[in-house]
Protein backbone atom coordinates (compact mmCIF):
# COMPACT_ATOMS: atom_id res chain seq x y z
CA MET A 1 7.31 15.92 57.29
CA GLN A 2 5.76 12.58 56.47
CA LYS A 3 2.08 11.72 56.52
CA ASN A 4 1.25 8.04 57.03
CA VAL A 5 -1.31 5.58 58.36
CA PHE A 6 -0.15 6.31 61.90
CA ALA A 7 -0.50 10.08 61.54
CA LEU A 8 -1.95 11.98 64.48
CA LEU A 9 -5.51 12.85 63.52
CA ILE A 10 -7.97 15.18 65.20
CA ALA A 11 -11.43 13.94 64.29
CA GLY A 12 -14.92 13.90 65.68
CA LEU A 13 -14.25 13.00 69.29
CA VAL A 14 -16.10 15.73 71.17
CA THR A 15 -19.27 17.73 70.69
CA LEU A 16 -18.67 21.46 70.76
CA CYS A 17 -21.49 23.82 71.57
CA GLY A 18 -20.51 27.38 72.18
CA VAL A 19 -17.48 28.91 73.83
CA ALA A 20 -17.04 28.15 77.50
CA GLN A 21 -16.37 31.05 79.85
CA GLN A 22 -14.14 29.03 82.17
CA ILE A 23 -11.47 26.44 81.54
CA ASP A 24 -10.70 23.60 83.92
CA SER A 25 -7.04 24.52 84.26
CA VAL A 26 -6.62 22.50 87.46
CA LYS A 27 -7.61 19.28 85.74
CA LEU A 28 -5.48 20.15 82.71
CA ASP A 29 -2.50 20.74 84.99
CA SER A 30 -3.16 17.31 86.47
CA LEU A 31 -3.14 15.79 82.99
CA PHE A 32 0.22 17.32 82.12
CA ASN A 33 1.68 16.41 85.51
CA THR A 34 0.63 12.79 84.90
CA LEU A 35 2.15 12.77 81.43
CA GLU A 36 5.40 14.19 82.74
CA ALA A 37 5.60 11.86 85.74
CA ASN A 38 5.24 8.85 83.45
CA ASP A 39 7.71 10.09 80.79
CA ARG A 40 4.90 10.26 78.23
CA PHE A 41 5.26 13.74 76.78
CA MET A 42 7.74 16.59 76.52
CA GLY A 43 6.68 19.81 74.89
CA SER A 44 4.38 22.79 74.99
CA LEU A 45 0.73 23.64 74.36
CA ALA A 46 -1.36 26.79 74.07
CA LEU A 47 -5.10 27.43 73.73
CA SER A 48 -6.40 30.80 72.59
CA HIS A 49 -9.75 32.52 72.10
CA GLU A 50 -10.09 35.53 69.81
CA GLY A 51 -6.31 35.73 69.58
CA GLN A 52 -5.70 35.77 73.34
CA THR A 53 -3.97 32.90 75.15
CA ILE A 54 -6.21 31.40 77.83
CA TYR A 55 -4.11 28.36 78.75
CA ALA A 56 -0.46 27.48 78.17
CA LYS A 57 1.79 24.73 79.49
CA ALA A 58 5.34 23.47 78.94
CA ILE A 59 6.72 20.26 80.45
CA GLY A 60 9.71 17.94 80.15
CA TYR A 61 13.15 19.06 78.99
CA ARG A 62 14.32 20.98 75.98
CA ASP A 63 17.76 19.48 76.57
CA ILE A 64 18.16 16.50 78.88
CA LYS A 65 21.96 16.43 79.02
CA ASN A 66 22.07 19.94 80.49
CA THR A 67 18.77 19.50 82.40
CA LEU A 68 17.28 22.51 80.64
CA ARG A 69 13.55 22.86 81.19
CA PRO A 70 11.27 24.45 78.59
CA THR A 71 9.19 27.58 78.95
CA THR A 72 6.13 28.53 76.92
CA ASP A 73 8.55 30.53 74.74
CA THR A 74 10.75 27.53 73.95
CA LYS A 75 10.96 26.96 70.21
CA TYR A 76 10.38 23.59 68.55
CA ARG A 77 10.69 22.40 64.97
CA VAL A 78 7.10 22.24 63.70
CA GLY A 79 7.59 20.17 60.53
CA SER A 80 4.75 20.28 58.04
CA ILE A 81 2.83 23.09 59.75
CA THR A 82 5.37 25.07 57.72
CA LYS A 83 3.25 24.25 54.66
CA MET A 84 0.49 26.57 55.90
CA PHE A 85 2.98 29.44 55.93
CA THR A 86 4.25 28.54 52.47
CA SER A 87 0.69 28.44 51.15
CA VAL A 88 0.07 31.93 52.56
CA LEU A 89 3.18 33.20 50.75
CA VAL A 90 1.92 31.67 47.50
CA PHE A 91 -1.50 33.30 47.84
CA LYS A 92 0.14 36.64 48.67
CA THR A 93 2.17 36.32 45.48
CA VAL A 94 -0.98 35.46 43.52
CA GLU A 95 -2.77 38.49 44.96
CA ALA A 96 0.17 40.66 43.91
CA GLY A 97 -0.33 39.47 40.32
CA LYS A 98 3.04 37.73 40.13
CA LEU A 99 1.75 34.16 40.01
CA LYS A 100 -1.37 32.25 38.96
CA LEU A 101 -2.76 29.11 40.51
CA ASP A 102 -3.57 27.60 37.12
CA GLN A 103 -0.17 28.17 35.53
CA THR A 104 1.99 25.13 34.95
CA ILE A 105 5.44 24.68 36.43
CA ASP A 106 7.35 23.80 33.24
CA THR A 107 8.70 27.37 33.11
CA TYR A 108 10.52 26.72 36.38
CA PHE A 109 11.21 22.97 36.21
CA PRO A 110 11.13 21.75 32.60
CA LYS A 111 12.96 18.52 33.47
CA ILE A 112 10.36 17.35 36.01
CA LYS A 113 8.05 14.75 34.52
CA ASN A 114 4.61 16.15 33.58
CA SER A 115 5.70 19.68 34.48
CA ASP A 116 3.68 20.99 31.52
CA GLN A 117 0.55 19.53 33.14
CA ILE A 118 1.23 20.25 36.82
CA THR A 119 -0.09 23.59 38.10
CA ILE A 120 0.74 25.69 41.14
CA ALA A 121 -2.64 24.62 42.56
CA ASN A 122 -1.66 20.97 42.08
CA LEU A 123 1.45 21.53 44.17
CA LEU A 124 -0.57 23.24 46.90
CA ASN A 125 -3.21 20.52 47.25
CA HIS A 126 -0.96 17.50 46.65
CA ARG A 127 -2.43 16.59 43.27
CA SER A 128 0.81 16.86 41.29
CA GLY A 129 1.76 13.19 41.21
CA ILE A 130 5.35 14.10 42.07
CA HIS A 131 6.96 11.47 44.28
CA SER A 132 7.71 12.65 47.82
CA PHE A 133 11.47 12.64 48.36
CA THR A 134 11.02 11.79 52.06
CA SER A 135 9.57 8.42 50.95
CA ARG A 136 12.82 7.40 49.25
CA ALA A 137 14.34 4.25 50.71
CA ASP A 138 17.64 6.06 51.27
CA TYR A 139 16.20 9.27 52.77
CA GLN A 140 17.29 8.54 56.33
CA GLU A 141 20.82 7.98 55.09
CA TRP A 142 21.27 11.61 54.02
CA GLU A 143 18.64 13.63 55.87
CA THR A 144 21.27 15.08 58.24
CA GLU A 145 23.50 16.27 55.40
CA PRO A 146 23.24 19.69 53.70
CA LYS A 147 21.72 19.73 50.23
CA THR A 148 21.91 22.41 47.57
CA ARG A 149 19.00 23.47 45.40
CA ALA A 150 20.52 21.61 42.46
CA GLU A 151 20.86 18.42 44.51
CA LEU A 152 17.27 18.62 45.79
CA LEU A 153 15.94 19.18 42.27
CA GLU A 154 17.87 16.18 41.01
CA ILE A 155 16.47 14.04 43.84
CA ILE A 156 12.92 15.20 43.08
CA ARG A 157 13.36 14.67 39.33
CA ASP A 158 14.74 11.17 39.91
CA GLY A 159 11.65 10.31 41.99
CA GLY A 160 9.48 10.72 38.93
CA SER A 161 5.69 10.64 38.95
CA VAL A 162 3.43 8.24 40.89
CA PHE A 163 0.14 9.21 39.18
CA GLU A 164 -1.21 11.47 36.47
CA PRO A 165 -1.48 15.12 37.57
CA ASN A 166 -4.83 16.06 39.13
CA SER A 167 -6.17 12.49 38.92
CA LYS A 168 -6.07 12.07 42.69
CA ALA A 169 -4.29 13.41 45.80
CA GLU A 170 -1.27 12.00 47.59
CA TYR A 171 0.85 13.81 50.16
CA SER A 172 4.25 14.87 48.83
CA ASN A 173 6.86 17.01 50.53
CA SER A 174 8.45 17.56 47.12
CA ASN A 175 5.53 19.83 46.19
CA TYR A 176 6.37 22.39 48.85
CA VAL A 177 10.11 22.34 48.23
CA LEU A 178 9.32 23.22 44.62
CA LEU A 179 6.96 25.99 45.79
CA THR A 180 9.84 27.33 47.89
CA PHE A 181 12.06 27.62 44.82
CA ILE A 182 9.27 29.27 42.80
CA LEU A 183 8.69 31.88 45.50
CA GLU A 184 12.39 32.60 45.78
CA ASP A 185 12.70 33.00 42.00
CA ILE A 186 9.73 35.35 41.71
CA LEU A 187 10.35 37.45 44.81
CA LYS A 188 14.18 37.42 44.59
CA LYS A 189 14.66 36.65 48.26
CA PRO A 190 15.46 33.51 50.27
CA TYR A 191 12.57 31.71 51.90
CA SER A 192 13.76 32.69 55.38
CA GLU A 193 13.48 36.39 54.52
CA LEU A 194 10.04 35.93 52.98
CA ILE A 195 8.76 34.30 56.16
CA SER A 196 10.21 37.10 58.26
CA GLU A 197 9.14 40.05 56.12
CA LYS A 198 5.69 38.91 55.02
CA ILE A 199 4.43 36.94 58.01
CA ALA A 200 6.50 36.93 61.20
CA LEU A 201 7.33 40.64 61.50
CA PRO A 202 3.89 42.00 60.50
CA LEU A 203 2.18 39.67 63.00
CA GLY A 204 4.74 40.10 65.77
CA LEU A 205 5.73 36.42 65.78
CA LYS A 206 8.96 36.81 67.70
CA ASN A 207 9.61 33.09 68.01
CA THR A 208 8.91 31.94 64.45
CA TYR A 209 11.62 31.61 61.81
CA VAL A 210 13.33 29.17 59.47
CA GLY A 211 15.48 26.92 61.59
CA ASP A 212 19.16 26.11 61.46
CA SER A 213 21.25 23.80 63.64
CA ILE A 214 19.51 23.63 67.00
CA ASN A 215 20.82 26.37 69.29
CA LEU A 216 20.16 25.98 73.00
CA ASN A 217 21.17 29.60 73.56
CA ARG A 218 18.10 30.65 71.55
CA ASN A 219 15.80 28.66 73.85
CA GLU A 220 15.37 25.94 71.21
CA ALA A 221 14.72 22.27 71.95
CA HIS A 222 16.33 19.00 70.90
CA SER A 223 14.07 16.08 70.05
CA TYR A 224 14.08 12.67 71.71
CA THR A 225 12.88 9.12 71.17
CA TYR A 226 12.10 6.74 74.00
CA LEU A 227 13.13 3.11 74.37
CA LYS A 228 14.03 2.53 78.00
CA ASP A 229 14.89 6.17 78.48
CA TRP A 230 14.88 9.35 76.40
CA GLU A 231 17.54 9.33 73.67
CA ARG A 232 18.37 12.39 71.59
CA LYS A 233 17.55 12.20 67.87
CA ASP A 234 19.85 13.45 65.13
CA GLU A 235 18.81 16.66 63.38
CA THR A 236 17.50 16.88 59.84
CA HIS A 237 19.62 19.47 58.02
CA MET A 238 17.32 22.42 57.45
CA SER A 239 18.56 22.97 53.91
CA ILE A 240 16.34 20.00 53.00
CA PRO A 241 12.74 20.62 54.20
CA LEU A 242 12.56 24.33 53.33
CA GLY A 243 8.92 25.37 52.76
CA ALA A 244 7.77 21.81 53.44
CA GLY A 245 8.95 21.72 57.05
CA ALA A 246 11.81 24.03 58.08
CA LEU A 247 10.09 26.37 60.55
CA VAL A 248 10.60 26.53 64.29
CA SER A 249 7.95 28.15 66.42
CA THR A 250 5.94 28.09 69.65
CA PRO A 251 2.30 27.17 70.25
CA THR A 252 1.48 30.78 71.11
CA ASP A 253 2.96 32.05 67.84
CA LEU A 254 1.20 29.33 65.86
CA ASN A 255 -2.14 30.32 67.37
CA MET A 256 -1.48 33.96 66.53
CA PHE A 257 -0.66 33.00 62.95
CA ILE A 258 -3.78 30.92 62.32
CA HIS A 259 -6.06 33.48 64.00
CA ALA A 260 -4.57 36.18 61.75
CA LEU A 261 -5.05 33.93 58.72
CA PHE A 262 -8.75 33.45 59.39
CA SER A 263 -9.23 37.08 60.41
CA GLY A 264 -8.09 38.42 57.03
CA ALA A 265 -4.79 39.86 58.24
CA LEU A 266 -2.68 37.80 55.82
CA ILE A 267 -4.67 37.00 52.67
CA SER A 268 -8.07 37.90 51.28
CA LYS A 269 -11.26 36.00 52.06
CA GLU A 270 -11.31 34.79 48.45
CA SER A 271 -7.80 33.38 48.80
CA LEU A 272 -8.65 31.78 52.15
CA ASP A 273 -11.74 30.17 50.63
CA GLN A 274 -9.55 28.64 47.92
CA MET A 275 -6.97 27.56 50.47
CA LYS A 276 -9.56 25.68 52.55
CA THR A 277 -11.41 24.07 49.64
CA ILE A 278 -11.01 20.36 50.37
CA SER A 279 -10.53 17.79 47.59
CA ASP A 280 -9.81 14.15 48.46
CA GLY A 281 -9.04 15.22 52.03
CA TYR A 282 -6.60 18.00 51.16
CA GLY A 283 -6.87 21.75 51.01
CA MET A 284 -4.11 24.03 49.78
CA GLY A 285 -1.69 23.77 52.66
CA ILE A 286 -4.45 22.99 55.13
CA PHE A 287 -6.49 20.01 56.35
CA PRO A 288 -10.04 19.73 57.69
CA VAL A 289 -10.31 19.32 61.47
CA PRO A 290 -13.85 18.08 62.24
CA PHE A 291 -15.42 17.92 65.68
CA HIS A 292 -18.96 16.61 65.33
CA ASN A 293 -20.94 19.79 64.60
CA LYS A 294 -17.90 22.04 64.20
CA ASN A 295 -15.71 22.44 61.14
CA GLY A 296 -12.13 23.37 61.92
CA TYR A 297 -8.97 23.66 59.87
CA GLY A 298 -5.30 23.17 60.53
CA HIS A 299 -2.26 20.99 59.96
CA ASN A 300 0.00 18.62 61.85
CA GLY A 301 3.73 18.12 61.58
CA GLY A 302 6.55 15.74 62.26
CA ILE A 303 10.29 16.02 61.75
CA ASP A 304 13.01 14.07 63.57
CA ARG A 305 11.15 13.27 66.82
CA PHE A 306 9.36 16.62 66.91
CA THR A 307 5.60 16.45 66.41
CA SER A 308 3.09 19.27 66.25
CA VAL A 309 -0.61 20.02 65.82
CA LEU A 310 -2.39 23.27 64.94
CA GLY A 311 -6.15 23.68 64.71
CA TYR A 312 -8.63 26.55 64.42
CA PHE A 313 -12.42 26.72 64.72
CA PRO A 314 -13.57 29.84 62.88
CA GLU A 315 -17.07 29.92 64.34
CA ASP A 316 -15.72 30.24 67.88
CA LYS A 317 -12.35 31.83 67.05
CA VAL A 318 -10.66 29.13 69.09
CA ALA A 319 -7.12 28.02 68.27
CA VAL A 320 -5.09 25.22 69.82
CA ALA A 321 -1.46 24.35 69.12
CA LEU A 322 0.87 21.69 70.44
CA THR A 323 4.59 21.26 69.89
CA SER A 324 6.45 18.24 71.21
CA ASN A 325 10.08 17.15 71.27
CA GLY A 326 9.32 13.70 72.65
CA ASN A 327 6.13 11.75 73.23
CA ARG A 328 4.75 8.31 74.02
CA TYR A 329 1.14 9.45 74.13
CA ALA A 330 -1.14 10.52 71.30
CA ASN A 331 -1.05 14.24 70.59
CA ASN A 332 -4.64 13.82 69.49
CA SER A 333 -5.65 12.75 73.00
CA ILE A 334 -3.99 15.82 74.50
CA ILE A 335 -5.74 18.15 72.06
CA ILE A 336 -9.09 16.50 72.81
CA ALA A 337 -8.55 16.89 76.54
CA VAL A 338 -7.67 20.57 76.20
CA LEU A 339 -10.70 21.31 74.02
CA SER A 340 -12.90 19.31 76.38
CA ALA A 341 -11.68 21.39 79.29
CA HIS A 342 -12.43 24.56 77.35
CA TYR A 343 -15.91 23.54 76.25
CA GLY A 344 -16.92 22.06 79.59
CA LYS A 345 -16.85 18.44 78.42
CA PRO A 346 -15.62 15.49 80.52
CA PHE A 347 -12.23 13.94 79.90
CA GLU A 348 -10.19 11.32 81.69
CA ILE A 349 -6.73 11.54 83.19
CA PRO A 350 -4.91 8.50 81.73
CA THR A 351 -3.47 5.73 83.85
CA PHE A 352 -0.42 4.03 82.45
CA THR A 353 -0.13 0.32 83.19
CA THR A 354 2.33 -1.96 81.44
CA ILE A 355 3.55 -5.50 81.98
CA LYS A 356 7.12 -6.69 81.85
CA VAL A 357 8.18 -9.05 79.09
CA GLN A 358 11.44 -10.84 78.37
CA SER A 359 13.11 -11.10 74.99
CA LYS A 360 12.19 -14.78 74.60
CA ASP A 361 8.53 -13.95 75.21
CA LEU A 362 8.47 -11.85 72.04
CA ASP A 363 9.61 -14.51 69.56
CA LYS A 364 6.08 -15.81 68.96
CA TYR A 365 5.01 -12.45 67.53
CA LEU A 366 7.86 -11.92 65.07
CA GLY A 367 7.16 -11.93 61.35
CA VAL A 368 5.51 -10.11 58.48
CA TYR A 369 1.74 -9.63 58.67
CA ALA A 370 -0.60 -8.85 55.77
CA SER A 371 -4.24 -7.77 55.66
CA GLU A 372 -6.98 -7.95 53.05
CA GLN A 373 -8.32 -4.64 54.41
CA LEU A 374 -5.15 -2.55 54.06
CA SER A 375 -2.38 -2.67 51.48
CA LEU A 376 0.26 -1.93 54.11
CA LYS A 377 2.08 -4.91 55.54
CA ILE A 378 3.39 -4.73 59.10
CA THR A 379 6.72 -6.27 60.07
CA ILE A 380 7.15 -7.19 63.74
CA THR A 381 10.71 -7.36 65.07
CA LYS A 382 12.42 -7.08 68.44
CA ASP A 383 15.47 -5.49 69.98
CA GLY A 384 16.16 -7.10 73.32
CA ASP A 385 12.92 -7.01 75.30
CA ILE A 386 11.31 -4.31 73.14
CA LEU A 387 8.86 -5.16 70.36
CA PHE A 388 8.87 -3.05 67.19
CA GLY A 389 6.36 -2.64 64.39
CA GLN A 390 7.01 -1.20 60.96
CA ALA A 391 4.47 -0.57 58.22
CA THR A 392 5.61 -0.76 54.61
CA GLY A 393 7.76 2.25 53.72
CA GLN A 394 7.44 3.85 57.16
CA PRO A 395 9.69 4.22 60.21
CA SER A 396 9.60 1.53 62.90
CA PHE A 397 7.87 2.20 66.21
CA ALA A 398 8.51 0.72 69.66
CA MET A 399 5.56 -0.79 71.49
CA GLU A 400 4.73 -1.46 75.13
CA ALA A 401 3.08 -4.59 76.49
CA VAL A 402 -0.13 -3.50 78.20
CA GLU A 403 -1.80 -6.91 78.59
CA LYS A 404 -1.01 -10.51 77.66
CA ASP A 405 -0.47 -10.58 73.85
CA ILE A 406 -1.49 -6.91 73.54
CA PHE A 407 0.92 -4.08 72.69
CA GLU A 408 0.39 -0.37 72.16
CA PHE A 409 2.14 2.48 70.40
CA ALA A 410 0.40 5.20 72.38
CA GLN A 411 1.92 8.10 70.45
CA ALA A 412 -0.27 7.27 67.45
CA GLY A 413 -3.07 5.47 69.25
CA VAL A 414 -2.04 2.10 67.76
CA ARG A 415 -3.05 -1.14 69.51
CA LEU A 416 -1.92 -4.57 68.29
CA GLU A 417 -3.70 -7.65 69.64
CA PHE A 418 -1.92 -10.92 68.82
CA THR A 419 -3.24 -14.49 68.76
CA PRO A 420 0.08 -16.36 68.49
CA ASP A 421 -1.40 -19.86 68.10
CA GLU A 422 -3.33 -18.72 65.03
CA LYS A 423 -0.52 -16.42 63.81
CA THR A 424 -2.95 -13.52 63.54
CA MET A 425 -2.96 -9.93 64.72
CA ILE A 426 -5.61 -7.22 64.99
CA LEU A 427 -4.62 -3.59 64.44
CA LYS A 428 -6.84 -1.02 66.13
CA GLN A 429 -6.46 2.71 65.52
CA ALA A 430 -8.81 5.70 65.49
CA GLY A 431 -11.87 3.47 65.66
CA GLY A 432 -10.68 1.21 62.83
CA VAL A 433 -10.24 -2.54 63.28
CA TYR A 434 -7.98 -4.33 60.79
CA HIS A 435 -7.29 -8.08 60.72
CA TYR A 436 -3.80 -9.31 59.83
CA LYS A 437 -2.32 -12.77 59.33
CA MET A 438 1.34 -13.75 59.41
CA GLU A 439 2.74 -14.60 55.98
């Protein structure tokens, strides 16, 4: 559910010019075969045009212990893509005259700081100032435990405010948990029923619902992290993310949802225009997805070791969705390859080369690095012969040695280039180059 400096971004990497009539499925199959053979990705992807699937693929395992392979109907936790669904429910409630975007939330949460200044719109577009509970230092200590509404409200209240309402935007999962409670209070039904009755059933989304404990008998997937092999990750208890990240779904269902959204099957054009109005990089439950001369919209997600991406290009009615339960390769690169195949653009099949390092070889990199370009410090540690990086307030990530003094975290497109004698490091990501020096 978290958004951070290593988020998977889709941005301006291909030029789109019209809808291709053919898709290079053979080359795409080769891409996924390469990813699977090198233990780089487990998950599923679907591409659709005008609501019809034109390419779908599922690779890896949904459960390694029982050697269960996924199908294109395997369901994955989709994390913050859930926020798009929650936003739709809010706009439906507004259209029904039961809620207003400009009303403040003090009626519902009088004990939350600045609640008399924070509006429903501020919750939707992350301009509330409410601290995100997933950024708490102790979050990972209790994320697997069930929480009641009262407990979540207390946690959110204790987090306080990090800026004055509507003065800027900053991503907060707390916003969408509060929206969940508001919807439930107004509509007198649990969030799970609202998703089913107002979105999933009308659209025929048979594989989309609020998750519970992962159930292999329902063709659901576990998530995995990779060190020297795939290791299963513990599950966030789904009483916690709610409308901020509790849905499970498939790429095909996600594409159907976003196509319906932009086709007027869920909310009015006026509501959609409000939803996709971007301020400081945020819409109301939606992000911009630019590709040179094309303007797309969508959202990404992450929960446990599940990651997901959903994008839509209204001009061409093209949707692409990816759900993963384990990856060591940038989701962004996969999405770019799939769109390139669709639009007749070249793309490369990656080659994965690494070098072996010993634990003693890593000592010269260890320490805390700071940059004048970014406020985030990066702490470099090791566990055996594996090097780890961790930005301030974010989870650690394992890196691979790809060249002498060069390590990569391919999942987020992060490259760290060390100069040990000078105690410096260069961070490269998404075209950015940031210089760091050891403290």
